[in-house]
């Protein structure tokens, strides 16, 4: 048998390909979260990553004409945003918000100061809009309307523009 006499071939036969989430690179994926993009099946670890991929696939998958995507180049776009509440955040609400935000891929840091919440995150993995949805969901049981004071439409728009610019792949990595 050729395989037995060729140790390199035996080693190659034992190698397994690891499936990872293209958004966060986690290897613990959910096989029911699947998207076929450009003829390739992509599996995801969470619905957050699946939705992120669907909205901006070129951030995560390159192509032969333009090369690697920003994520494949290990590009990180860190943002730090202050979210101001109408009053100081109670300790139980802080705990709920922190637990909710830590579940989001791409959230790097969470700091509370009085009525302000500072969130540092990777825009490629998560947007301010995603963060606000998580806050709203966590805060709904504490105070009705607590997020009515948060006005972020312009930032949402600017982040979407920045993501669209990142998603337009160029061969040399420069502006398009």
C-alpha atoms as a PDB file:
ATOM      1  CA  UNK A   1       0.000   0.000   0.000  1.00  0.00           C
ATOM      2  CA  UNK A   2       1.419   3.366  -1.037  1.00  0.00           C
ATOM      3  CA  UNK A   3       0.002   5.278   1.950  1.00  0.00           C
ATOM      4  CA  UNK A   4       1.817   3.096   4.504  1.00  0.00           C
ATOM      5  CA  UNK A   5       5.197   3.545   2.830  1.00  0.00           C
ATOM      6  CA  UNK A   6       4.823   7.310   2.512  1.00  0.00           C
ATOM      7  CA  UNK A   7       4.730   8.970   5.977  1.00  0.00           C
ATOM      8  CA  UNK A   8       3.942  12.375   4.468  1.00  0.00           C
ATOM      9  CA  UNK A   9       0.876  10.961   2.729  1.00  0.00           C
ATOM     10  CA  UNK A  10      -0.289   9.362   5.983  1.00  0.00           C
ATOM     11  CA  UNK A  11       0.067  12.708   7.746  1.00  0.00           C
ATOM     12  CA  UNK A  12      -1.880  14.496   5.003  1.00  0.00           C
ATOM     13  CA  UNK A  13      -4.612  11.857   5.246  1.00  0.00           C
ATOM     14  CA  UNK A  14      -5.013  12.577   8.987  1.00  0.00           C
ATOM     15  CA  UNK A  15      -5.328  16.344   8.578  1.00  0.00           C
ATOM     16  CA  UNK A  16      -8.810  17.660   9.106  1.00  0.00           C
ATOM     17  CA  UNK A  17     -10.116  20.940   7.869  1.00  0.00           C
ATOM     18  CA  UNK A  18     -11.543  23.105  10.608  1.00  0.00           C
ATOM     19  CA  UNK A  19     -14.758  24.894   9.823  1.00  0.00           C
ATOM     20  CA  UNK A  20     -14.874  28.342  11.379  1.00  0.00           C
ATOM     21  CA  UNK A  21     -17.277  31.249  11.417  1.00  0.00           C
ATOM     22  CA  UNK A  22     -16.082  33.773   8.797  1.00  0.00           C
ATOM     23  CA  UNK A  23     -17.145  36.725  10.980  1.00  0.00           C
ATOM     24  CA  UNK A  24     -15.506  35.938  14.341  1.00  0.00           C
ATOM     25  CA  UNK A  25     -13.403  32.835  13.462  1.00  0.00           C
ATOM     26  CA  UNK A  26     -14.954  30.716  16.214  1.00  0.00           C
ATOM     27  CA  UNK A  27     -14.669  27.006  15.473  1.00  0.00           C
ATOM     28  CA  UNK A  28     -17.757  26.109  17.486  1.00  0.00           C
ATOM     29  CA  UNK A  29     -20.283  26.613  14.718  1.00  0.00           C
ATOM     30  CA  UNK A  30     -23.970  25.856  14.410  1.00  0.00           C
ATOM     31  CA  UNK A  31     -24.492  23.763  11.263  1.00  0.00           C
ATOM     32  CA  UNK A  32     -28.082  24.996  10.954  1.00  0.00           C
ATOM     33  CA  UNK A  33     -26.771  28.561  10.419  1.00  0.00           C
ATOM     34  CA  UNK A  34     -25.659  28.258   6.819  1.00  0.00           C
ATOM     35  CA  UNK A  35     -25.401  30.600   3.853  1.00  0.00           C
ATOM     36  CA  UNK A  36     -24.204  29.673   0.401  1.00  0.00           C
ATOM     37  CA  UNK A  37     -22.279  32.650  -0.939  1.00  0.00           C
ATOM     38  CA  UNK A  38     -20.546  32.574  -4.327  1.00  0.00           C
ATOM     39  CA  UNK A  39     -21.021  28.791  -4.453  1.00  0.00           C
ATOM     40  CA  UNK A  40     -19.367  28.178  -1.072  1.00  0.00           C
ATOM     41  CA  UNK A  41     -21.194  27.108   2.088  1.00  0.00           C
ATOM     42  CA  UNK A  42     -20.401  29.318   5.075  1.00  0.00           C
ATOM     43  CA  UNK A  43     -21.347  28.224   8.598  1.00  0.00           C
ATOM     44  CA  UNK A  44     -21.810  30.565  11.545  1.00  0.00           C
ATOM     45  CA  UNK A  45     -21.552  30.390  15.317  1.00  0.00           C
ATOM     46  CA  UNK A  46     -24.508  32.694  15.995  1.00  0.00           C
ATOM     47  CA  UNK A  47     -27.376  34.518  14.352  1.00  0.00           C
ATOM     48  CA  UNK A  48     -25.486  37.776  15.012  1.00  0.00           C
ATOM     49  CA  UNK A  49     -22.604  36.585  12.817  1.00  0.00           C
ATOM     50  CA  UNK A  50     -24.997  35.192  10.193  1.00  0.00           C
ATOM     51  CA  UNK A  51     -26.865  38.507   9.930  1.00  0.00           C
ATOM     52  CA  UNK A  52     -23.598  40.468   9.882  1.00  0.00           C
ATOM     53  CA  UNK A  53     -22.323  38.311   7.015  1.00  0.00           C
ATOM     54  CA  UNK A  54     -25.565  38.632   5.059  1.00  0.00           C
ATOM     55  CA  UNK A  55     -25.498  42.435   5.309  1.00  0.00           C
ATOM     56  CA  UNK A  56     -21.811  42.819   4.305  1.00  0.00           C
ATOM     57  CA  UNK A  57     -20.391  39.579   2.832  1.00  0.00           C
ATOM     58  CA  UNK A  58     -17.391  41.267   1.173  1.00  0.00           C
ATOM     59  CA  UNK A  59     -16.065  42.256   4.589  1.00  0.00           C
ATOM     60  CA  UNK A  60     -15.495  38.561   5.286  1.00  0.00           C
ATOM     61  CA  UNK A  61     -14.920  36.859   1.920  1.00  0.00           C
ATOM     62  CA  UNK A  62     -12.430  38.040  -0.670  1.00  0.00           C
ATOM     63  CA  UNK A  63     -12.289  37.172  -4.335  1.00  0.00           C
ATOM     64  CA  UNK A  64      -9.544  36.344  -6.856  1.00  0.00           C
ATOM     65  CA  UNK A  65      -9.861  39.684  -8.651  1.00  0.00           C
ATOM     66  CA  UNK A  66      -9.539  41.917  -5.572  1.00  0.00           C
ATOM     67  CA  UNK A  67      -7.765  39.682  -3.071  1.00  0.00           C
ATOM     68  CA  UNK A  68      -8.482  39.165   0.585  1.00  0.00           C
ATOM     69  CA  UNK A  69     -11.348  40.796   2.456  1.00  0.00           C
ATOM     70  CA  UNK A  70     -10.747  43.194   5.363  1.00  0.00           C
ATOM     71  CA  UNK A  71     -11.484  40.386   7.868  1.00  0.00           C
ATOM     72  CA  UNK A  72      -9.132  37.984   6.042  1.00  0.00           C
ATOM     73  CA  UNK A  73      -6.446  40.668   6.345  1.00  0.00           C
ATOM     74  CA  UNK A  74      -7.146  40.764  10.116  1.00  0.00           C
ATOM     75  CA  UNK A  75      -8.317  44.351   9.814  1.00  0.00           C
ATOM     76  CA  UNK A  76     -10.016  45.736  12.914  1.00  0.00           C
ATOM     77  CA  UNK A  77     -12.023  48.960  13.006  1.00  0.00           C
ATOM     78  CA  UNK A  78     -12.288  49.896  16.687  1.00  0.00           C
ATOM     79  CA  UNK A  79     -14.952  52.390  17.688  1.00  0.00           C
ATOM     80  CA  UNK A  80     -15.661  53.858  21.104  1.00  0.00           C
ATOM     81  CA  UNK A  81     -19.105  55.313  21.629  1.00  0.00           C
ATOM     82  CA  UNK A  82     -20.717  57.032  24.572  1.00  0.00           C
ATOM     83  CA  UNK A  83     -24.353  56.181  25.109  1.00  0.00           C
ATOM     84  CA  UNK A  84     -25.994  58.600  27.514  1.00  0.00           C
ATOM     85  CA  UNK A  85     -29.015  57.612  29.547  1.00  0.00           C
ATOM     86  CA  UNK A  86     -31.442  60.126  31.032  1.00  0.00           C
ATOM     87  CA  UNK A  87     -30.260  59.292  34.568  1.00  0.00           C
ATOM     88  CA  UNK A  88     -27.583  57.298  36.396  1.00  0.00           C
ATOM     89  CA  UNK A  89     -27.666  53.592  35.616  1.00  0.00           C
ATOM     90  CA  UNK A  90     -28.642  51.396  38.579  1.00  0.00           C
ATOM     91  CA  UNK A  91     -26.447  48.451  39.580  1.00  0.00           C
ATOM     92  CA  UNK A  92     -29.033  45.814  38.540  1.00  0.00           C
ATOM     93  CA  UNK A  93     -29.402  47.491  35.134  1.00  0.00           C
ATOM     94  CA  UNK A  94     -25.606  47.697  34.783  1.00  0.00           C
ATOM     95  CA  UNK A  95     -25.361  43.956  35.420  1.00  0.00           C
ATOM     96  CA  UNK A  96     -28.082  43.201  32.883  1.00  0.00           C
ATOM     97  CA  UNK A  97     -26.556  45.504  30.246  1.00  0.00           C
ATOM     98  CA  UNK A  98     -23.059  44.139  30.768  1.00  0.00           C
ATOM     99  CA  UNK A  99     -24.249  40.525  30.435  1.00  0.00           C
ATOM    100  CA  UNK A 100     -26.201  41.373  27.286  1.00  0.00           C
ATOM    101  CA  UNK A 101     -23.364  43.307  25.640  1.00  0.00           C
ATOM    102  CA  UNK A 102     -20.705  40.717  26.476  1.00  0.00           C
ATOM    103  CA  UNK A 103     -22.701  38.193  24.442  1.00  0.00           C
ATOM    104  CA  UNK A 104     -22.177  40.253  21.286  1.00  0.00           C
ATOM    105  CA  UNK A 105     -19.203  39.342  19.097  1.00  0.00           C
ATOM    106  CA  UNK A 106     -16.866  42.286  18.634  1.00  0.00           C
ATOM    107  CA  UNK A 107     -17.585  44.157  21.878  1.00  0.00           C
ATOM    108  CA  UNK A 108     -14.149  44.834  23.375  1.00  0.00           C
ATOM    109  CA  UNK A 109     -14.891  46.945  26.474  1.00  0.00           C
ATOM    110  CA  UNK A 110     -17.849  48.212  28.522  1.00  0.00           C
ATOM    111  CA  UNK A 111     -17.443  51.058  31.036  1.00  0.00           C
ATOM    112  CA  UNK A 112     -20.154  52.722  33.114  1.00  0.00           C
ATOM    113  CA  UNK A 113     -19.732  56.291  34.408  1.00  0.00           C
ATOM    114  CA  UNK A 114     -22.817  57.886  35.940  1.00  0.00           C
ATOM    115  CA  UNK A 115     -25.476  58.083  33.232  1.00  0.00           C
ATOM    116  CA  UNK A 116     -22.956  57.233  30.502  1.00  0.00           C
ATOM    117  CA  UNK A 117     -22.130  53.856  29.036  1.00  0.00           C
ATOM    118  CA  UNK A 118     -18.921  53.673  26.986  1.00  0.00           C
ATOM    119  CA  UNK A 119     -18.681  50.773  24.566  1.00  0.00           C
ATOM    120  CA  UNK A 120     -15.585  49.908  22.542  1.00  0.00           C
ATOM    121  CA  UNK A 121     -16.246  47.535  19.644  1.00  0.00           C
ATOM    122  CA  UNK A 122     -14.957  46.253  16.310  1.00  0.00           C
ATOM    123  CA  UNK A 123     -17.179  47.741  13.608  1.00  0.00           C
ATOM    124  CA  UNK A 124     -16.436  44.826  11.284  1.00  0.00           C
ATOM    125  CA  UNK A 125     -18.096  42.415  13.729  1.00  0.00           C
ATOM    126  CA  UNK A 126     -20.818  44.549  15.350  1.00  0.00           C
ATOM    127  CA  UNK A 127     -22.433  47.945  14.799  1.00  0.00           C
ATOM    128  CA  UNK A 128     -23.787  50.552  17.164  1.00  0.00           C
ATOM    129  CA  UNK A 129     -27.251  49.625  15.949  1.00  0.00           C
ATOM    130  CA  UNK A 130     -26.696  46.015  17.098  1.00  0.00           C
ATOM    131  CA  UNK A 131     -25.426  47.293  20.451  1.00  0.00           C
ATOM    132  CA  UNK A 132     -28.444  49.551  20.906  1.00  0.00           C
ATOM    133  CA  UNK A 133     -30.815  46.680  20.125  1.00  0.00           C
ATOM    134  CA  UNK A 134     -29.111  44.585  22.820  1.00  0.00           C
ATOM    135  CA  UNK A 135     -29.375  47.507  25.278  1.00  0.00           C
ATOM    136  CA  UNK A 136     -33.020  48.037  24.454  1.00  0.00           C
ATOM    137  CA  UNK A 137     -33.780  44.348  24.937  1.00  0.00           C
ATOM    138  CA  UNK A 138     -31.928  44.253  28.278  1.00  0.00           C
ATOM    139  CA  UNK A 139     -33.391  47.542  29.564  1.00  0.00           C
ATOM    140  CA  UNK A 140     -37.004  46.913  28.616  1.00  0.00           C
ATOM    141  CA  UNK A 141     -37.809  45.288  31.970  1.00  0.00           C
ATOM    142  CA  UNK A 142     -36.200  48.104  33.962  1.00  0.00           C
ATOM    143  CA  UNK A 143     -37.549  51.342  32.550  1.00  0.00           C
ATOM    144  CA  UNK A 144     -39.951  51.874  29.712  1.00  0.00           C
ATOM    145  CA  UNK A 145     -38.569  54.420  27.289  1.00  0.00           C
ATOM    146  CA  UNK A 146     -35.074  54.546  28.784  1.00  0.00           C
ATOM    147  CA  UNK A 147     -33.578  54.633  25.304  1.00  0.00           C
ATOM    148  CA  UNK A 148     -35.838  57.375  23.985  1.00  0.00           C
ATOM    149  CA  UNK A 149     -33.011  59.780  24.854  1.00  0.00           C
ATOM    150  CA  UNK A 150     -30.518  57.938  22.640  1.00  0.00           C
ATOM    151  CA  UNK A 151     -30.294  59.564  19.231  1.00  0.00           C
ATOM    152  CA  UNK A 152     -27.882  57.717  16.950  1.00  0.00           C
ATOM    153  CA  UNK A 153     -29.237  57.952  13.403  1.00  0.00           C
ATOM    154  CA  UNK A 154     -26.252  59.870  12.044  1.00  0.00           C
ATOM    155  CA  UNK A 155     -23.746  57.453  13.572  1.00  0.00           C
ATOM    156  CA  UNK A 156     -25.684  54.487  12.164  1.00  0.00           C
ATOM    157  CA  UNK A 157     -25.551  56.068   8.728  1.00  0.00           C
ATOM    158  CA  UNK A 158     -21.836  56.887   8.959  1.00  0.00           C
ATOM    159  CA  UNK A 159     -21.016  53.364  10.149  1.00  0.00           C
ATOM    160  CA  UNK A 160     -22.978  51.871   7.253  1.00  0.00           C
ATOM    161  CA  UNK A 161     -21.062  54.119   4.830  1.00  0.00           C
ATOM    162  CA  UNK A 162     -17.758  53.053   6.389  1.00  0.00           C
ATOM    163  CA  UNK A 163     -18.731  49.367   6.141  1.00  0.00           C
ATOM    164  CA  UNK A 164     -19.756  49.804   2.513  1.00  0.00           C
ATOM    165  CA  UNK A 165     -16.388  51.421   1.775  1.00  0.00           C
ATOM    166  CA  UNK A 166     -14.547  48.572   3.499  1.00  0.00           C
ATOM    167  CA  UNK A 167     -16.582  46.002   1.581  1.00  0.00           C
ATOM    168  CA  UNK A 168     -15.514  47.372  -1.816  1.00  0.00           C
ATOM    169  CA  UNK A 169     -12.404  45.315  -2.322  1.00  0.00           C
ATOM    170  CA  UNK A 170      -9.491  46.753  -4.249  1.00  0.00           C
ATOM    171  CA  UNK A 171      -6.527  44.812  -5.485  1.00  0.00           C
ATOM    172  CA  UNK A 172      -3.912  47.010  -3.777  1.00  0.00           C
ATOM    173  CA  UNK A 173      -5.970  47.647  -0.636  1.00  0.00           C
ATOM    174  CA  UNK A 174      -6.271  51.372  -1.376  1.00  0.00           C
ATOM    175  CA  UNK A 175      -9.270  53.529  -2.043  1.00  0.00           C
ATOM    176  CA  UNK A 176     -11.616  52.573  -4.812  1.00  0.00           C
END
